[in-house]
Amino acid sequence: MGEAARALDTIDVRPVFTAQDAAAMEARFAGVDTPDMLRELLTGELKGRIAAVSSFGAESAVLLHMIATIDADVPVIFTNTQKMFGETLAYRDELSERLGFTDLRVFRPDPRLLRLKDDKGLRWSYDPDGCCDLRKVEPLRRALLPFDAWISGRKGFQAKTRAALPRFEADEGRLKINPLALWDKARLDAYFAEHDLPRHPLEAQGYLSIGCAPCTSKVRPGEDPRAGRWRGWDKVECGIHVPEKPGEEPAF
């Protein structure tokens, strides 16, 4: 009798996390306070599998403080689009040092793609979607390759498009966690005060949502906190957060 044929090697291409997994997480942690939820996940099933993604913007210190209190070895990813405010870069360094993070990972646009697609550095002025894809989405995709899950700082109160933001989502096969989805501005401000956290230096000048310098403006009284992003353009999202349905993109 001849030998059995060797089993073919296969590659498992199934997503690590699905929409059903995210919904199960949403139900599992319903009513669980944010710090307790993060502690269970970061010290349990997601330990070593998760990164925090931060813009080091106006309210970033709250979530970063919570994470550092639990595990300062959690990798923190920052995409330097090379169009950032100098104040943001200084704040990133100050906050990272103060909170004691051991693994700050800075990712930049691919210089070869910049030469091909934005050699003058002005793509933001005529194609903001293309600029975001080049300078933020592509670098973050590279940064997240080693991870099964990531933490986002999005909050439901920041824009009307995000009012129903869940705490757990599936994103390109990964679990995306929005720990502050249900927090309002008053609760964030109280946390800043309780833990004596430094504010972003541009916040006091009226910049309530802070992204790249060319596409960020001050927020006027009565506007959503993110109204100063891409002002004058029909754009509310940088491209990192994929919409569930076309035309229903949440703001970042």
Protein backbone atom coordinates (compact mmCIF):
# COMPACT_ATOMS: atom_id res chain seq x y z
CA MET A 1 0.00 0.00 0.00
CA GLY A 2 1.42 3.40 -0.95
CA GLU A 3 1.99 6.17 1.51
CA ALA A 4 -0.81 8.63 2.07
CA ALA A 5 -0.42 11.89 0.20
CA ARG A 6 1.11 14.65 2.32
CA ALA A 7 -1.45 17.11 3.61
CA LEU A 8 -1.14 20.43 1.89
CA ASP A 9 0.00 23.36 3.98
CA THR A 10 -2.72 25.96 4.43
CA ILE A 11 -2.79 29.54 5.64
CA ASP A 12 -5.58 30.60 7.95
CA VAL A 13 -6.89 33.86 6.49
CA ARG A 14 -9.93 34.12 8.70
CA PRO A 15 -10.17 37.38 10.65
CA VAL A 16 -9.06 37.21 14.27
CA PHE A 17 -12.12 39.20 15.32
CA THR A 18 -15.46 39.48 13.55
CA ALA A 19 -18.47 41.77 13.95
CA GLN A 20 -20.09 38.99 15.99
CA ASP A 21 -17.09 38.94 18.34
CA ALA A 22 -17.33 42.72 18.76
CA ALA A 23 -21.05 42.48 19.54
CA ALA A 24 -20.33 39.78 22.13
CA MET A 25 -17.72 42.04 23.74
CA GLU A 26 -20.20 44.92 23.77
CA ALA A 27 -22.70 42.75 25.65
CA ARG A 28 -20.07 41.30 27.99
CA PHE A 29 -18.86 44.69 29.17
CA ALA A 30 -22.22 46.50 29.20
CA GLY A 31 -22.36 48.54 32.40
CA VAL A 32 -18.70 47.87 33.26
CA ASP A 33 -16.79 51.08 34.00
CA THR A 34 -14.03 51.99 31.58
CA PRO A 35 -10.98 51.48 33.86
CA ASP A 36 -12.27 48.07 34.97
CA MET A 37 -12.95 47.02 31.39
CA LEU A 38 -9.48 48.07 30.27
CA ARG A 39 -7.80 46.34 33.20
CA GLU A 40 -9.52 43.04 32.45
CA LEU A 41 -8.60 43.17 28.77
CA LEU A 42 -5.05 44.51 29.04
CA THR A 43 -4.00 42.08 31.77
CA GLY A 44 -6.01 39.17 30.38
CA GLU A 45 -6.86 37.90 26.93
CA LEU A 46 -5.43 40.85 24.98
CA LYS A 47 -2.13 41.18 26.84
CA GLY A 48 0.67 41.34 24.28
CA ARG A 49 -1.83 41.47 21.40
CA ILE A 50 -3.00 45.08 21.59
CA ALA A 51 -1.71 48.61 20.96
CA ALA A 52 -3.08 52.04 21.76
CA VAL A 53 -3.30 54.49 18.85
CA SER A 54 -3.11 58.12 19.92
CA SER A 55 -3.05 61.44 18.12
CA PHE A 56 -1.89 63.13 21.36
CA GLY A 57 -4.69 65.59 20.77
CA ALA A 58 -6.91 67.66 23.04
CA GLU A 59 -8.25 64.86 25.26
CA SER A 60 -5.72 62.08 24.68
CA ALA A 61 -4.23 62.28 28.16
CA VAL A 62 -7.29 60.71 29.80
CA LEU A 63 -7.16 57.40 27.95
CA LEU A 64 -3.37 57.27 27.96
CA HIS A 65 -3.32 57.79 31.74
CA MET A 66 -5.76 54.91 32.23
CA ILE A 67 -3.67 52.60 30.07
CA ALA A 68 -0.37 53.58 31.70
CA THR A 69 -1.86 53.00 35.16
CA ILE A 70 -2.69 49.42 34.13
CA ASP A 71 0.34 48.56 31.98
CA ALA A 72 2.88 51.14 30.79
CA ASP A 73 4.39 48.50 28.48
CA VAL A 74 1.37 48.59 26.14
CA PRO A 75 2.71 49.88 22.80
CA VAL A 76 1.50 53.38 21.90
CA ILE A 77 1.37 54.18 18.18
CA PHE A 78 1.62 57.74 16.89
CA THR A 79 1.43 58.51 13.19
CA ASN A 80 3.56 61.55 12.44
CA THR A 81 2.08 62.80 9.18
CA GLN A 82 4.89 65.35 8.92
CA LYS A 83 2.18 68.01 8.89
CA MET A 84 1.66 68.06 12.67
CA PHE A 85 1.69 71.11 14.91
CA GLY A 86 5.00 71.51 16.72
CA GLU A 87 2.95 71.83 19.92
CA THR A 88 1.55 68.32 19.34
CA LEU A 89 5.00 66.78 18.98
CA ALA A 90 6.17 68.48 22.18
CA TYR A 91 3.02 67.38 24.00
CA ARG A 92 3.53 63.80 22.80
CA ASP A 93 7.00 63.72 24.29
CA GLU A 94 5.97 65.41 27.54
CA LEU A 95 2.96 63.15 28.11
CA SER A 96 4.76 59.92 27.17
CA GLU A 97 7.58 60.70 29.59
CA ARG A 98 5.25 61.74 32.38
CA LEU A 99 3.09 58.62 32.07
CA GLY A 100 6.10 56.32 31.77
CA PHE A 101 5.29 54.52 28.54
CA THR A 102 8.12 52.20 27.53
CA ASP A 103 7.14 51.55 23.91
CA LEU A 104 6.17 54.67 21.94
CA ARG A 105 6.17 53.77 18.25
CA VAL A 106 6.28 56.63 15.73
CA PHE A 107 5.31 55.79 12.15
CA ARG A 108 5.74 58.19 9.23
CA PRO A 109 4.59 58.22 5.60
CA ASP A 110 6.57 56.07 3.19
CA PRO A 111 9.07 58.52 1.63
CA ARG A 112 8.84 56.71 -1.72
CA LEU A 113 5.08 57.22 -1.79
CA LEU A 114 5.52 60.86 -0.80
CA ARG A 115 7.83 61.41 -3.77
CA LEU A 116 5.32 59.78 -6.09
CA LYS A 117 2.10 61.29 -4.77
CA ASP A 118 2.95 64.46 -2.85
CA ASP A 119 6.34 65.70 -3.94
CA LYS A 120 5.39 69.34 -3.26
CA GLY A 121 3.73 68.58 0.09
CA LEU A 122 0.51 70.33 -0.99
CA ARG A 123 -1.86 67.42 -1.59
CA TRP A 124 -3.86 68.46 1.48
CA SER A 125 -4.92 71.62 -0.38
CA TYR A 126 -6.65 69.88 -3.29
CA ASP A 127 -7.14 66.23 -2.24
CA PRO A 128 -7.46 65.94 1.55
CA ASP A 129 -8.73 62.34 1.35
CA GLY A 130 -5.68 61.32 -0.67
CA CYS A 131 -3.40 63.18 1.71
CA CYS A 132 -4.88 61.43 4.74
CA ASP A 133 -4.57 58.06 3.05
CA LEU A 134 -0.94 58.71 2.23
CA ARG A 135 0.13 60.28 5.51
CA LYS A 136 -2.06 58.57 8.10
CA VAL A 137 -3.93 55.49 6.88
CA GLU A 138 -1.03 53.71 5.17
CA PRO A 139 1.45 54.27 8.05
CA LEU A 140 -1.11 53.09 10.62
CA ARG A 141 -1.84 49.96 8.61
CA ARG A 142 1.86 49.11 8.79
CA ALA A 143 2.00 49.93 12.49
CA LEU A 144 -0.90 47.62 13.34
CA LEU A 145 0.43 44.55 11.51
CA PRO A 146 1.73 42.83 14.69
CA PHE A 147 -1.51 43.32 16.66
CA ASP A 148 -4.90 41.62 16.93
CA ALA A 149 -6.60 44.60 18.61
CA TRP A 150 -6.17 48.33 19.07
CA ILE A 151 -7.49 51.11 21.24
CA SER A 152 -8.96 54.31 19.78
CA GLY A 153 -9.74 57.54 21.58
CA ARG A 154 -12.98 58.35 19.75
CA LYS A 155 -15.88 59.72 21.79
CA GLY A 156 -19.56 59.88 20.93
CA PHE A 157 -20.10 63.50 21.94
CA GLN A 158 -17.52 64.91 19.51
CA ALA A 159 -19.79 64.98 16.46
CA LYS A 160 -23.35 64.12 15.46
CA THR A 161 -22.00 61.35 13.22
CA ARG A 162 -20.65 59.54 16.29
CA ALA A 163 -23.59 59.69 18.67
CA ALA A 164 -24.15 55.91 18.57
CA LEU A 165 -20.48 54.93 18.73
CA PRO A 166 -20.06 51.45 20.28
CA ARG A 167 -17.24 50.50 22.61
CA PHE A 168 -16.25 47.54 20.45
CA GLU A 169 -15.98 47.23 16.66
CA ALA A 170 -14.41 44.85 14.14
CA ASP A 171 -11.93 46.62 11.86
CA GLU A 172 -10.03 44.80 9.10
CA GLY A 173 -10.10 41.60 11.13
CA ARG A 174 -8.98 43.25 14.35
CA LEU A 175 -10.90 44.25 17.44
CA LYS A 176 -11.10 48.04 17.78
CA ILE A 177 -11.93 49.33 21.23
CA ASN A 178 -13.37 52.79 21.91
CA PRO A 179 -13.16 52.93 25.73
CA LEU A 180 -14.37 56.55 25.97
CA ALA A 181 -17.29 56.21 23.56
CA LEU A 182 -19.82 57.02 26.27
CA TRP A 183 -17.85 59.75 28.07
CA ASP A 184 -18.95 63.39 27.84
CA LYS A 185 -16.85 66.54 28.08
CA ALA A 186 -17.65 67.12 31.73
CA ARG A 187 -16.43 63.67 32.73
CA LEU A 188 -13.23 64.12 30.73
CA ASP A 189 -12.56 67.50 32.34
CA ALA A 190 -13.16 66.02 35.79
CA TYR A 191 -10.64 63.26 35.07
CA PHE A 192 -8.04 65.82 33.94
CA ALA A 193 -8.54 67.71 37.21
CA GLU A 194 -8.55 64.64 39.44
CA HIS A 195 -5.25 63.35 38.06
CA ASP A 196 -3.65 66.75 37.38
CA LEU A 197 -3.01 65.91 33.73
CA PRO A 198 -1.49 68.49 31.35
CA ARG A 199 -3.71 69.85 28.57
CA HIS A 200 -2.66 70.18 24.96
CA PRO A 201 -1.24 73.72 24.63
CA LEU A 202 -3.46 74.56 21.63
CA GLU A 203 -6.72 73.69 23.40
CA ALA A 204 -6.81 76.98 25.30
CA GLN A 205 -6.57 78.80 21.96
CA GLY A 206 -9.82 77.26 20.68
CA TYR A 207 -8.52 74.14 18.96
CA LEU A 208 -10.85 71.50 20.40
CA SER A 209 -9.91 68.73 17.96
CA ILE A 210 -6.31 68.78 16.80
CA GLY A 211 -4.98 67.08 13.69
CA CYS A 212 -2.59 68.23 11.00
CA ALA A 213 -1.80 71.94 10.99
CA PRO A 214 -3.02 72.79 7.45
CA CYS A 215 -6.43 71.15 8.01
CA THR A 216 -7.17 72.20 11.61
CA SER A 217 -8.86 75.46 12.62
CA LYS A 218 -10.36 76.91 15.77
CA VAL A 219 -13.88 75.84 16.76
CA ARG A 220 -16.52 78.56 16.92
CA PRO A 221 -19.09 78.86 19.74
CA GLY A 222 -21.93 76.35 19.31
CA GLU A 223 -20.07 74.11 16.85
CA ASP A 224 -19.28 70.43 17.32
CA PRO A 225 -15.82 69.93 18.82
CA ARG A 226 -14.63 68.53 15.49
CA ALA A 227 -15.99 71.35 13.34
CA GLY A 228 -12.51 72.78 12.93
CA ARG A 229 -11.24 69.72 11.07
CA TRP A 230 -11.15 70.03 7.24
CA ARG A 231 -13.25 73.18 7.38
CA GLY A 232 -14.80 73.96 4.01
CA TRP A 233 -14.54 70.37 2.78
CA ASP A 234 -17.23 67.68 2.71
CA LYS A 235 -15.04 65.53 4.93
CA VAL A 236 -15.35 64.41 8.55
CA GLU A 237 -13.04 61.39 8.64
CA CYS A 238 -9.35 60.82 8.08
CA GLY A 239 -9.88 57.34 6.68
CA ILE A 240 -8.65 55.28 9.62
CA HIS A 241 -12.16 54.39 10.75
CA VAL A 242 -13.94 52.42 8.03
CA PRO A 243 -17.70 53.06 7.75
CA GLU A 244 -20.12 50.19 8.15
CA LYS A 245 -22.05 51.49 5.17
CA PRO A 246 -20.84 53.79 2.36
CA GLY A 247 -21.65 57.39 3.16
CA GLU A 248 -21.88 56.78 6.92
CA GLU A 249 -18.32 57.49 7.94
CA PRO A 250 -17.81 58.39 11.61
CA ALA A 251 -15.56 61.31 12.44
CA PHE A 252 -12.14 60.57 13.87
